[in-house]
Structure formats: C-alpha cells, structure tokens
Amino acid sequence: MSQESTATPRMTAEDLLGILRTCAGVADDIVLDEKALDTDFGSLGYDSIALLEVTANLERTFHVDLDDDAIKASDTPRDVISMINGR
C-alpha cells in the first residue's frame, strides 16, 4: 500500500521568477534574474493587482493558502520564496 505525499513542493528562485513573468509580465527595462530576488516589487514594476495574480498562481502551484496580506508583507521575491518554503 503506497501513500501519496502531501508535502508542499519547495519553491526555487527560477519557479518564482517564471510565475512573475507569466502572471504579470516584465517591463522592458527590468531583468528578472537572481539579482532581482532582492529588489522590492515596486521597483520591479509590480503593483498590487499584479501581486494578487501572482498570489493566486502560487496558491495553485504550491498548494498553499495565502491570506490577502501575505504577499504585501513580502517586500522582495526572496521574501516570497522564504515564506512559501517556510510553510
């Protein structure tokens, strides 16, 4: 008898950067790479509406429930990765 794993998959930087590109796009002058992980979302061009879309995608992809303020409390992409992986 096998048991299915219900563990939340770990998010990588590449995972989140891909979600950011897919959900909210990227301004022409912004490069989403490892350096962007420590840049605040506003400087990356993501407003609250874009972050809501990112939140919905994170919930679906990583099987987590995030309250409305979860992403707002995360200033940078690295903060989001830490939050998701810390669950």
PDB file of N, CA and C in Angstrom:
ATOM      1  N   MET A   1       0.839  -1.168   0.000  1.00  0.00           N
ATOM      2  CA  MET A   1       0.000   0.000   0.000  1.00  0.00           C
ATOM      3  C   MET A   1       0.892   1.242   0.000  1.00  0.00           C
ATOM      4  N   SER A   2       0.690   2.117  -0.961  1.00  0.00           N
ATOM      5  CA  SER A   2       1.524   3.316  -1.047  1.00  0.00           C
ATOM      6  C   SER A   2       0.768   4.519  -0.511  1.00  0.00           C
ATOM      7  N   GLN A   3       1.514   5.467  -0.032  1.00  0.00           N
ATOM      8  CA  GLN A   3       0.929   6.709   0.458  1.00  0.00           C
ATOM      9  C   GLN A   3       1.377   7.835  -0.447  1.00  0.00           C
ATOM     10  N   GLU A   4       0.427   8.693  -0.796  1.00  0.00           N
ATOM     11  CA  GLU A   4       0.779   9.862  -1.596  1.00  0.00           C
ATOM     12  C   GLU A   4       1.358  10.928  -0.690  1.00  0.00           C
ATOM     13  N   SER A   5       2.363  11.589  -1.176  1.00  0.00           N
ATOM     14  CA  SER A   5       2.954  12.683  -0.419  1.00  0.00           C
ATOM     15  C   SER A   5       2.081  13.924  -0.555  1.00  0.00           C
ATOM     16  N   THR A   6       1.801  14.557   0.564  1.00  0.00           N
ATOM     17  CA  THR A   6       1.027  15.797   0.537  1.00  0.00           C
ATOM     18  C   THR A   6       1.906  16.992   0.876  1.00  0.00           C
ATOM     19  N   ALA A   7       3.207  16.772   0.911  1.00  0.00           N
ATOM     20  CA  ALA A   7       4.131  17.856   1.237  1.00  0.00           C
ATOM     21  C   ALA A   7       4.093  18.923   0.150  1.00  0.00           C
ATOM     22  N   THR A   8       4.190  20.148   0.585  1.00  0.00           N
ATOM     23  CA  THR A   8       4.242  21.265  -0.346  1.00  0.00           C
ATOM     24  C   THR A   8       5.577  21.234  -1.079  1.00  0.00           C
ATOM     25  N   PRO A   9       5.555  21.332  -2.413  1.00  0.00           N
ATOM     26  CA  PRO A   9       6.824  21.356  -3.140  1.00  0.00           C
ATOM     27  C   PRO A   9       7.628  22.605  -2.777  1.00  0.00           C
ATOM     28  N   ARG A  10       8.942  22.482  -2.750  1.00  0.00           N
ATOM     29  CA  ARG A  10       9.789  23.635  -2.443  1.00  0.00           C
ATOM     30  C   ARG A  10       9.875  24.549  -3.655  1.00  0.00           C
ATOM     31  N   MET A  11       9.758  25.819  -3.397  1.00  0.00           N
ATOM     32  CA  MET A  11       9.847  26.810  -4.463  1.00  0.00           C
ATOM     33  C   MET A  11      11.302  27.205  -4.665  1.00  0.00           C
ATOM     34  N   THR A  12      11.694  27.300  -5.913  1.00  0.00           N
ATOM     35  CA  THR A  12      13.033  27.782  -6.251  1.00  0.00           C
ATOM     36  C   THR A  12      12.920  29.209  -6.790  1.00  0.00           C
ATOM     37  N   ALA A  13      14.044  29.871  -6.891  1.00  0.00           N
ATOM     38  CA  ALA A  13      14.066  31.215  -7.479  1.00  0.00           C
ATOM     39  C   ALA A  13      13.547  31.164  -8.906  1.00  0.00           C
ATOM     40  N   GLU A  14      13.954  30.152  -9.644  1.00  0.00           N
ATOM     41  CA  GLU A  14      13.510  30.002 -11.029  1.00  0.00           C
ATOM     42  C   GLU A  14      11.989  29.843 -11.108  1.00  0.00           C
ATOM     43  N   ASP A  15      11.411  29.089 -10.156  1.00  0.00           N
ATOM     44  CA  ASP A  15       9.954  28.920 -10.122  1.00  0.00           C
ATOM     45  C   ASP A  15       9.256  30.270  -9.986  1.00  0.00           C
ATOM     46  N   LEU A  16       9.674  31.047  -8.989  1.00  0.00           N
ATOM     47  CA  LEU A  16       9.009  32.325  -8.740  1.00  0.00           C
ATOM     48  C   LEU A  16       9.231  33.305  -9.879  1.00  0.00           C
ATOM     49  N   LEU A  17      10.431  33.385 -10.392  1.00  0.00           N
ATOM     50  CA  LEU A  17      10.689  34.315 -11.494  1.00  0.00           C
ATOM     51  C   LEU A  17       9.846  33.948 -12.707  1.00  0.00           C
ATOM     52  N   GLY A  18       9.649  32.664 -12.951  1.00  0.00           N
ATOM     53  CA  GLY A  18       8.783  32.223 -14.044  1.00  0.00           C
ATOM     54  C   GLY A  18       7.343  32.632 -13.817  1.00  0.00           C
ATOM     55  N   ILE A  19       6.863  32.490 -12.583  1.00  0.00           N
ATOM     56  CA  ILE A  19       5.493  32.897 -12.252  1.00  0.00           C
ATOM     57  C   ILE A  19       5.340  34.402 -12.423  1.00  0.00           C
ATOM     58  N   LEU A  20       6.314  35.171 -11.987  1.00  0.00           N
ATOM     59  CA  LEU A  20       6.248  36.627 -12.150  1.00  0.00           C
ATOM     60  C   LEU A  20       6.164  37.006 -13.623  1.00  0.00           C
ATOM     61  N   ARG A  21       6.977  36.367 -14.446  1.00  0.00           N
ATOM     62  CA  ARG A  21       6.951  36.658 -15.891  1.00  0.00           C
ATOM     63  C   ARG A  21       5.595  36.300 -16.498  1.00  0.00           C
ATOM     64  N   THR A  22       5.080  35.137 -16.142  1.00  0.00           N
ATOM     65  CA  THR A  22       3.832  34.639 -16.716  1.00  0.00           C
ATOM     66  C   THR A  22       2.626  35.452 -16.267  1.00  0.00           C
ATOM     67  N   CYS A  23       2.543  35.726 -14.989  1.00  0.00           N
ATOM     68  CA  CYS A  23       1.352  36.376 -14.432  1.00  0.00           C
ATOM     69  C   CYS A  23       1.284  37.858 -14.722  1.00  0.00           C
ATOM     70  N   ALA A  24       2.371  38.526 -14.549  1.00  0.00           N
ATOM     71  CA  ALA A  24       2.320  39.979 -14.561  1.00  0.00           C
ATOM     72  C   ALA A  24       3.189  40.615 -15.623  1.00  0.00           C
ATOM     73  N   GLY A  25       3.938  39.815 -16.345  1.00  0.00           N
ATOM     74  CA  GLY A  25       4.808  40.384 -17.363  1.00  0.00           C
ATOM     75  C   GLY A  25       6.008  41.075 -16.750  1.00  0.00           C
ATOM     76  N   VAL A  26       6.798  41.654 -17.602  1.00  0.00           N
ATOM     77  CA  VAL A  26       8.015  42.337 -17.168  1.00  0.00           C
ATOM     78  C   VAL A  26       8.182  43.585 -18.019  1.00  0.00           C
ATOM     79  N   ALA A  27       8.467  44.701 -17.375  1.00  0.00           N
ATOM     80  CA  ALA A  27       8.743  45.934 -18.120  1.00  0.00           C
ATOM     81  C   ALA A  27      10.006  45.737 -18.952  1.00  0.00           C
ATOM     82  N   ASP A  28      10.082  46.438 -20.066  1.00  0.00           N
ATOM     83  CA  ASP A  28      11.218  46.289 -20.981  1.00  0.00           C
ATOM     84  C   ASP A  28      12.570  46.570 -20.329  1.00  0.00           C
ATOM     85  N   ASP A  29      12.586  47.466 -19.346  1.00  0.00           N
ATOM     86  CA  ASP A  29      13.863  47.835 -18.733  1.00  0.00           C
ATOM     87  C   ASP A  29      14.193  47.022 -17.478  1.00  0.00           C
ATOM     88  N   ILE A  30      13.391  45.995 -17.170  1.00  0.00           N
ATOM     89  CA  ILE A  30      13.597  45.162 -15.984  1.00  0.00           C
ATOM     90  C   ILE A  30      14.132  43.798 -16.405  1.00  0.00           C
ATOM     91  N   VAL A  31      15.151  43.336 -15.717  1.00  0.00           N
ATOM     92  CA  VAL A  31      15.688  41.998 -15.950  1.00  0.00           C
ATOM     93  C   VAL A  31      15.351  41.148 -14.730  1.00  0.00           C
ATOM     94  N   LEU A  32      14.567  40.093 -14.945  1.00  0.00           N
ATOM     95  CA  LEU A  32      14.236  39.192 -13.843  1.00  0.00           C
ATOM     96  C   LEU A  32      15.262  38.067 -13.812  1.00  0.00           C
ATOM     97  N   ASP A  33      16.228  38.224 -12.916  1.00  0.00           N
ATOM     98  CA  ASP A  33      17.265  37.220 -12.740  1.00  0.00           C
ATOM     99  C   ASP A  33      17.565  37.119 -11.250  1.00  0.00           C
ATOM    100  N   GLU A  34      18.621  36.436 -10.896  1.00  0.00           N
ATOM    101  CA  GLU A  34      18.970  36.254  -9.484  1.00  0.00           C
ATOM    102  C   GLU A  34      19.115  37.591  -8.743  1.00  0.00           C
ATOM    103  N   LYS A  35      19.603  38.623  -9.423  1.00  0.00           N
ATOM    104  CA  LYS A  35      19.757  39.937  -8.787  1.00  0.00           C
ATOM    105  C   LYS A  35      18.411  40.539  -8.409  1.00  0.00           C
ATOM    106  N   ALA A  36      17.369  40.195  -9.156  1.00  0.00           N
ATOM    107  CA  ALA A  36      16.036  40.736  -8.894  1.00  0.00           C
ATOM    108  C   ALA A  36      15.426  40.171  -7.616  1.00  0.00           C
ATOM    109  N   LEU A  37      15.961  39.079  -7.109  1.00  0.00           N
ATOM    110  CA  LEU A  37      15.399  38.450  -5.914  1.00  0.00           C
ATOM    111  C   LEU A  37      15.418  39.363  -4.698  1.00  0.00           C
ATOM    112  N   ASP A  38      16.346  40.297  -4.646  1.00  0.00           N
ATOM    113  CA  ASP A  38      16.463  41.199  -3.501  1.00  0.00           C
ATOM    114  C   ASP A  38      15.995  42.615  -3.816  1.00  0.00           C
ATOM    115  N   THR A  39      15.262  42.763  -4.901  1.00  0.00           N
ATOM    116  CA  THR A  39      14.716  44.059  -5.311  1.00  0.00           C
ATOM    117  C   THR A  39      13.241  44.100  -4.944  1.00  0.00           C
ATOM    118  N   ASP A  40      12.788  45.221  -4.376  1.00  0.00           N
ATOM    119  CA  ASP A  40      11.383  45.285  -3.972  1.00  0.00           C
ATOM    120  C   ASP A  40      10.469  45.241  -5.198  1.00  0.00           C
ATOM    121  N   PHE A  41       9.262  44.712  -4.966  1.00  0.00           N
ATOM    122  CA  PHE A  41       8.321  44.508  -6.066  1.00  0.00           C
ATOM    123  C   PHE A  41       7.977  45.803  -6.799  1.00  0.00           C
ATOM    124  N   GLY A  42       7.858  46.910  -6.081  1.00  0.00           N
ATOM    125  CA  GLY A  42       7.558  48.186  -6.728  1.00  0.00           C
ATOM    126  C   GLY A  42       8.629  48.579  -7.731  1.00  0.00           C
ATOM    127  N   SER A  43       9.884  48.387  -7.361  1.00  0.00           N
ATOM    128  CA  SER A  43      10.990  48.706  -8.273  1.00  0.00           C
ATOM    129  C   SER A  43      11.029  47.777  -9.476  1.00  0.00           C
ATOM    130  N   LEU A  44      10.472  46.572  -9.311  1.00  0.00           N
ATOM    131  CA  LEU A  44      10.396  45.625 -10.426  1.00  0.00           C
ATOM    132  C   LEU A  44       9.183  45.894 -11.319  1.00  0.00           C
ATOM    133  N   GLY A  45       8.339  46.859 -10.890  1.00  0.00           N
ATOM    134  CA  GLY A  45       7.188  47.230 -11.708  1.00  0.00           C
ATOM    135  C   GLY A  45       5.909  46.470 -11.407  1.00  0.00           C
ATOM    136  N   TYR A  46       5.846  45.779 -10.267  1.00  0.00           N
ATOM    137  CA  TYR A  46       4.656  45.008  -9.915  1.00  0.00           C
ATOM    138  C   TYR A  46       3.804  45.786  -8.922  1.00  0.00           C
ATOM    139  N   ASP A  47       2.562  46.058  -9.326  1.00  0.00           N
ATOM    140  CA  ASP A  47       1.630  46.749  -8.438  1.00  0.00           C
ATOM    141  C   ASP A  47       0.794  45.722  -7.676  1.00  0.00           C
ATOM    142  N   SER A  48      -0.130  46.206  -6.850  1.00  0.00           N
ATOM    143  CA  SER A  48      -0.919  45.304  -6.006  1.00  0.00           C
ATOM    144  C   SER A  48      -1.795  44.358  -6.824  1.00  0.00           C
ATOM    145  N   ILE A  49      -2.302  44.797  -7.957  1.00  0.00           N
ATOM    146  CA  ILE A  49      -3.128  43.931  -8.807  1.00  0.00           C
ATOM    147  C   ILE A  49      -2.280  42.793  -9.378  1.00  0.00           C
ATOM    148  N   ALA A  50      -1.100  43.109  -9.849  1.00  0.00           N
ATOM    149  CA  ALA A  50      -0.206  42.072 -10.377  1.00  0.00           C
ATOM    150  C   ALA A  50       0.156  41.071  -9.286  1.00  0.00           C
ATOM    151  N   LEU A  51       0.377  41.562  -8.076  1.00  0.00           N
ATOM    152  CA  LEU A  51       0.745  40.666  -6.986  1.00  0.00           C
ATOM    153  C   LEU A  51      -0.415  39.774  -6.564  1.00  0.00           C
ATOM    154  N   LEU A  52      -1.652  40.242  -6.720  1.00  0.00           N
ATOM    155  CA  LEU A  52      -2.811  39.377  -6.456  1.00  0.00           C
ATOM    156  C   LEU A  52      -2.835  38.208  -7.433  1.00  0.00           C
ATOM    157  N   GLU A  53      -2.532  38.470  -8.686  1.00  0.00           N
ATOM    158  CA  GLU A  53      -2.477  37.408  -9.686  1.00  0.00           C
ATOM    159  C   GLU A  53      -1.343  36.434  -9.374  1.00  0.00           C
ATOM    160  N   VAL A  54      -0.217  36.954  -8.949  1.00  0.00           N
ATOM    161  CA  VAL A  54       0.908  36.102  -8.558  1.00  0.00           C
ATOM    162  C   VAL A  54       0.503  35.227  -7.370  1.00  0.00           C
ATOM    163  N   THR A  55      -0.183  35.818  -6.392  1.00  0.00           N
ATOM    164  CA  THR A  55      -0.631  35.070  -5.220  1.00  0.00           C
ATOM    165  C   THR A  55      -1.530  33.910  -5.619  1.00  0.00           C
ATOM    166  N   ALA A  56      -2.491  34.162  -6.496  1.00  0.00           N
ATOM    167  CA  ALA A  56      -3.400  33.101  -6.947  1.00  0.00           C
ATOM    168  C   ALA A  56      -2.622  31.977  -7.625  1.00  0.00           C
ATOM    169  N   ASN A  57      -1.644  32.330  -8.431  1.00  0.00           N
ATOM    170  CA  ASN A  57      -0.831  31.316  -9.106  1.00  0.00           C
ATOM    171  C   ASN A  57      -0.004  30.521  -8.097  1.00  0.00           C
ATOM    172  N   LEU A  58       0.554  31.185  -7.114  1.00  0.00           N
ATOM    173  CA  LEU A  58       1.327  30.495  -6.079  1.00  0.00           C
ATOM    174  C   LEU A  58       0.455  29.500  -5.322  1.00  0.00           C
ATOM    175  N   GLU A  59      -0.769  29.908  -5.000  1.00  0.00           N
ATOM    176  CA  GLU A  59      -1.678  29.021  -4.279  1.00  0.00           C
ATOM    177  C   GLU A  59      -1.967  27.761  -5.086  1.00  0.00           C
ATOM    178  N   ARG A  60      -2.209  27.929  -6.382  1.00  0.00           N
ATOM    179  CA  ARG A  60      -2.488  26.764  -7.242  1.00  0.00           C
ATOM    180  C   ARG A  60      -1.256  25.881  -7.414  1.00  0.00           C
ATOM    181  N   THR A  61      -0.140  26.499  -7.677  1.00  0.00           N
ATOM    182  CA  THR A  61       1.071  25.749  -7.999  1.00  0.00           C
ATOM    183  C   THR A  61       1.668  25.036  -6.790  1.00  0.00           C
ATOM    184  N   PHE A  62       1.668  25.707  -5.652  1.00  0.00           N
ATOM    185  CA  PHE A  62       2.339  25.163  -4.471  1.00  0.00           C
ATOM    186  C   PHE A  62       1.370  24.674  -3.400  1.00  0.00           C
ATOM    187  N   HIS A  63       0.081  24.640  -3.735  1.00  0.00           N
ATOM    188  CA  HIS A  63      -0.941  24.070  -2.844  1.00  0.00           C
ATOM    189  C   HIS A  63      -0.880  24.682  -1.447  1.00  0.00           C
ATOM    190  N   VAL A  64      -0.847  26.011  -1.406  1.00  0.00           N
ATOM    191  CA  VAL A  64      -0.832  26.739  -0.143  1.00  0.00           C
ATOM    192  C   VAL A  64      -1.998  27.718  -0.133  1.00  0.00           C
ATOM    193  N   ASP A  65      -2.432  28.071   1.058  1.00  0.00           N
ATOM    194  CA  ASP A  65      -3.439  29.116   1.220  1.00  0.00           C
ATOM    195  C   ASP A  65      -2.730  30.353   1.750  1.00  0.00           C
ATOM    196  N   LEU A  66      -2.805  31.430   1.000  1.00  0.00           N
ATOM    197  CA  LEU A  66      -2.161  32.681   1.393  1.00  0.00           C
ATOM    198  C   LEU A  66      -3.236  33.720   1.658  1.00  0.00           C
ATOM    199  N   ASP A  67      -3.152  34.390   2.800  1.00  0.00           N
ATOM    200  CA  ASP A  67      -4.123  35.450   3.044  1.00  0.00           C
ATOM    201  C   ASP A  67      -3.776  36.657   2.179  1.00  0.00           C
ATOM    202  N   ASP A  68      -4.708  37.586   2.098  1.00  0.00           N
ATOM    203  CA  ASP A  68      -4.543  38.730   1.200  1.00  0.00           C
ATOM    204  C   ASP A  68      -3.295  39.563   1.490  1.00  0.00           C
ATOM    205  N   ASP A  69      -2.838  39.537   2.717  1.00  0.00           N
ATOM    206  CA  ASP A  69      -1.692  40.360   3.088  1.00  0.00           C
ATOM    207  C   ASP A  69      -0.355  39.622   2.988  1.00  0.00           C
ATOM    208  N   ALA A  70      -0.382  38.347   2.631  1.00  0.00           N
ATOM    209  CA  ALA A  70       0.851  37.549   2.631  1.00  0.00           C
ATOM    210  C   ALA A  70       1.895  38.111   1.680  1.00  0.00           C
ATOM    211  N   ILE A  71       1.493  38.414   0.463  1.00  0.00           N
ATOM    212  CA  ILE A  71       2.455  38.949  -0.499  1.00  0.00           C
ATOM    213  C   ILE A  71       2.803  40.395  -0.158  1.00  0.00           C
ATOM    214  N   LYS A  72       1.816  41.161   0.314  1.00  0.00           N
ATOM    215  CA  LYS A  72       2.091  42.557   0.684  1.00  0.00           C
ATOM    216  C   LYS A  72       3.160  42.639   1.770  1.00  0.00           C
ATOM    217  N   ALA A  73       3.185  41.645   2.651  1.00  0.00           N
ATOM    218  CA  ALA A  73       4.167  41.632   3.738  1.00  0.00           C
ATOM    219  C   ALA A  73       5.548  41.217   3.245  1.00  0.00           C
ATOM    220  N   SER A  74       5.597  40.686   2.050  1.00  0.00           N
ATOM    221  CA  SER A  74       6.870  40.273   1.451  1.00  0.00           C
ATOM    222  C   SER A  74       7.329  41.375   0.511  1.00  0.00           C
ATOM    223  N   ASP A  75       8.438  41.994   0.837  1.00  0.00           N
ATOM    224  CA  ASP A  75       8.915  43.128   0.045  1.00  0.00           C
ATOM    225  C   ASP A  75       9.607  42.719  -1.250  1.00  0.00           C
ATOM    226  N   THR A  76      10.243  41.551  -1.238  1.00  0.00           N
ATOM    227  CA  THR A  76      11.047  41.127  -2.388  1.00  0.00           C
ATOM    228  C   THR A  76      10.675  39.702  -2.801  1.00  0.00           C
ATOM    229  N   PRO A  77      11.044  39.303  -3.994  1.00  0.00           N
ATOM    230  CA  PRO A  77      10.824  37.912  -4.395  1.00  0.00           C
ATOM    231  C   PRO A  77      11.475  36.914  -3.429  1.00  0.00           C
ATOM    232  N   ARG A  78      12.651  37.226  -2.915  1.00  0.00           N
ATOM    233  CA  ARG A  78      13.302  36.308  -1.969  1.00  0.00           C
ATOM    234  C   ARG A  78      12.445  36.124  -0.715  1.00  0.00           C
ATOM    235  N   ASP A  79      11.770  37.188  -0.265  1.00  0.00           N
ATOM    236  CA  ASP A  79      10.869  37.083   0.883  1.00  0.00           C
ATOM    237  C   ASP A  79       9.731  36.102   0.592  1.00  0.00           C
ATOM    238  N   VAL A  80       9.205  36.143  -0.626  1.00  0.00           N
ATOM    239  CA  VAL A  80       8.111  35.240  -1.009  1.00  0.00           C
ATOM    240  C   VAL A  80       8.596  33.793  -0.991  1.00  0.00           C
ATOM    241  N   ILE A  81       9.775  33.553  -1.535  1.00  0.00           N
ATOM    242  CA  ILE A  81      10.328  32.197  -1.546  1.00  0.00           C
ATOM    243  C   ILE A  81      10.485  31.684  -0.115  1.00  0.00           C
ATOM    244  N   SER A  82      11.004  32.515   0.764  1.00  0.00           N
ATOM    245  CA  SER A  82      11.171  32.123   2.169  1.00  0.00           C
ATOM    246  C   SER A  82       9.832  31.836   2.822  1.00  0.00           C
ATOM    247  N   MET A  83       8.834  32.657   2.524  1.00  0.00           N
ATOM    248  CA  MET A  83       7.507  32.471   3.102  1.00  0.00           C
ATOM    249  C   MET A  83       6.904  31.143   2.649  1.00  0.00           C
ATOM    250  N   ILE A  84       6.945  30.873   1.346  1.00  0.00           N
ATOM    251  CA  ILE A  84       6.356  29.643   0.815  1.00  0.00           C
ATOM    252  C   ILE A  84       7.100  28.423   1.344  1.00  0.00           C
ATOM    253  N   ASN A  85       8.405  28.460   1.326  1.00  0.00           N
ATOM    254  CA  ASN A  85       9.186  27.304   1.769  1.00  0.00           C
ATOM    255  C   ASN A  85       9.157  27.116   3.279  1.00  0.00           C
ATOM    256  N   GLY A  86       8.796  28.174   4.005  1.00  0.00           N
ATOM    257  CA  GLY A  86       8.707  28.079   5.454  1.00  0.00           C
ATOM    258  C   GLY A  86       7.399  27.501   5.950  1.00  0.00           C
ATOM    259  N   ARG A  87       6.478  27.237   5.049  1.00  0.00           N
ATOM    260  CA  ARG A  87       5.168  26.690   5.446  1.00  0.00           C
ATOM    261  C   ARG A  87       5.264  25.218   5.679  1.00  0.00           C
TER     262      ARG A  87
END
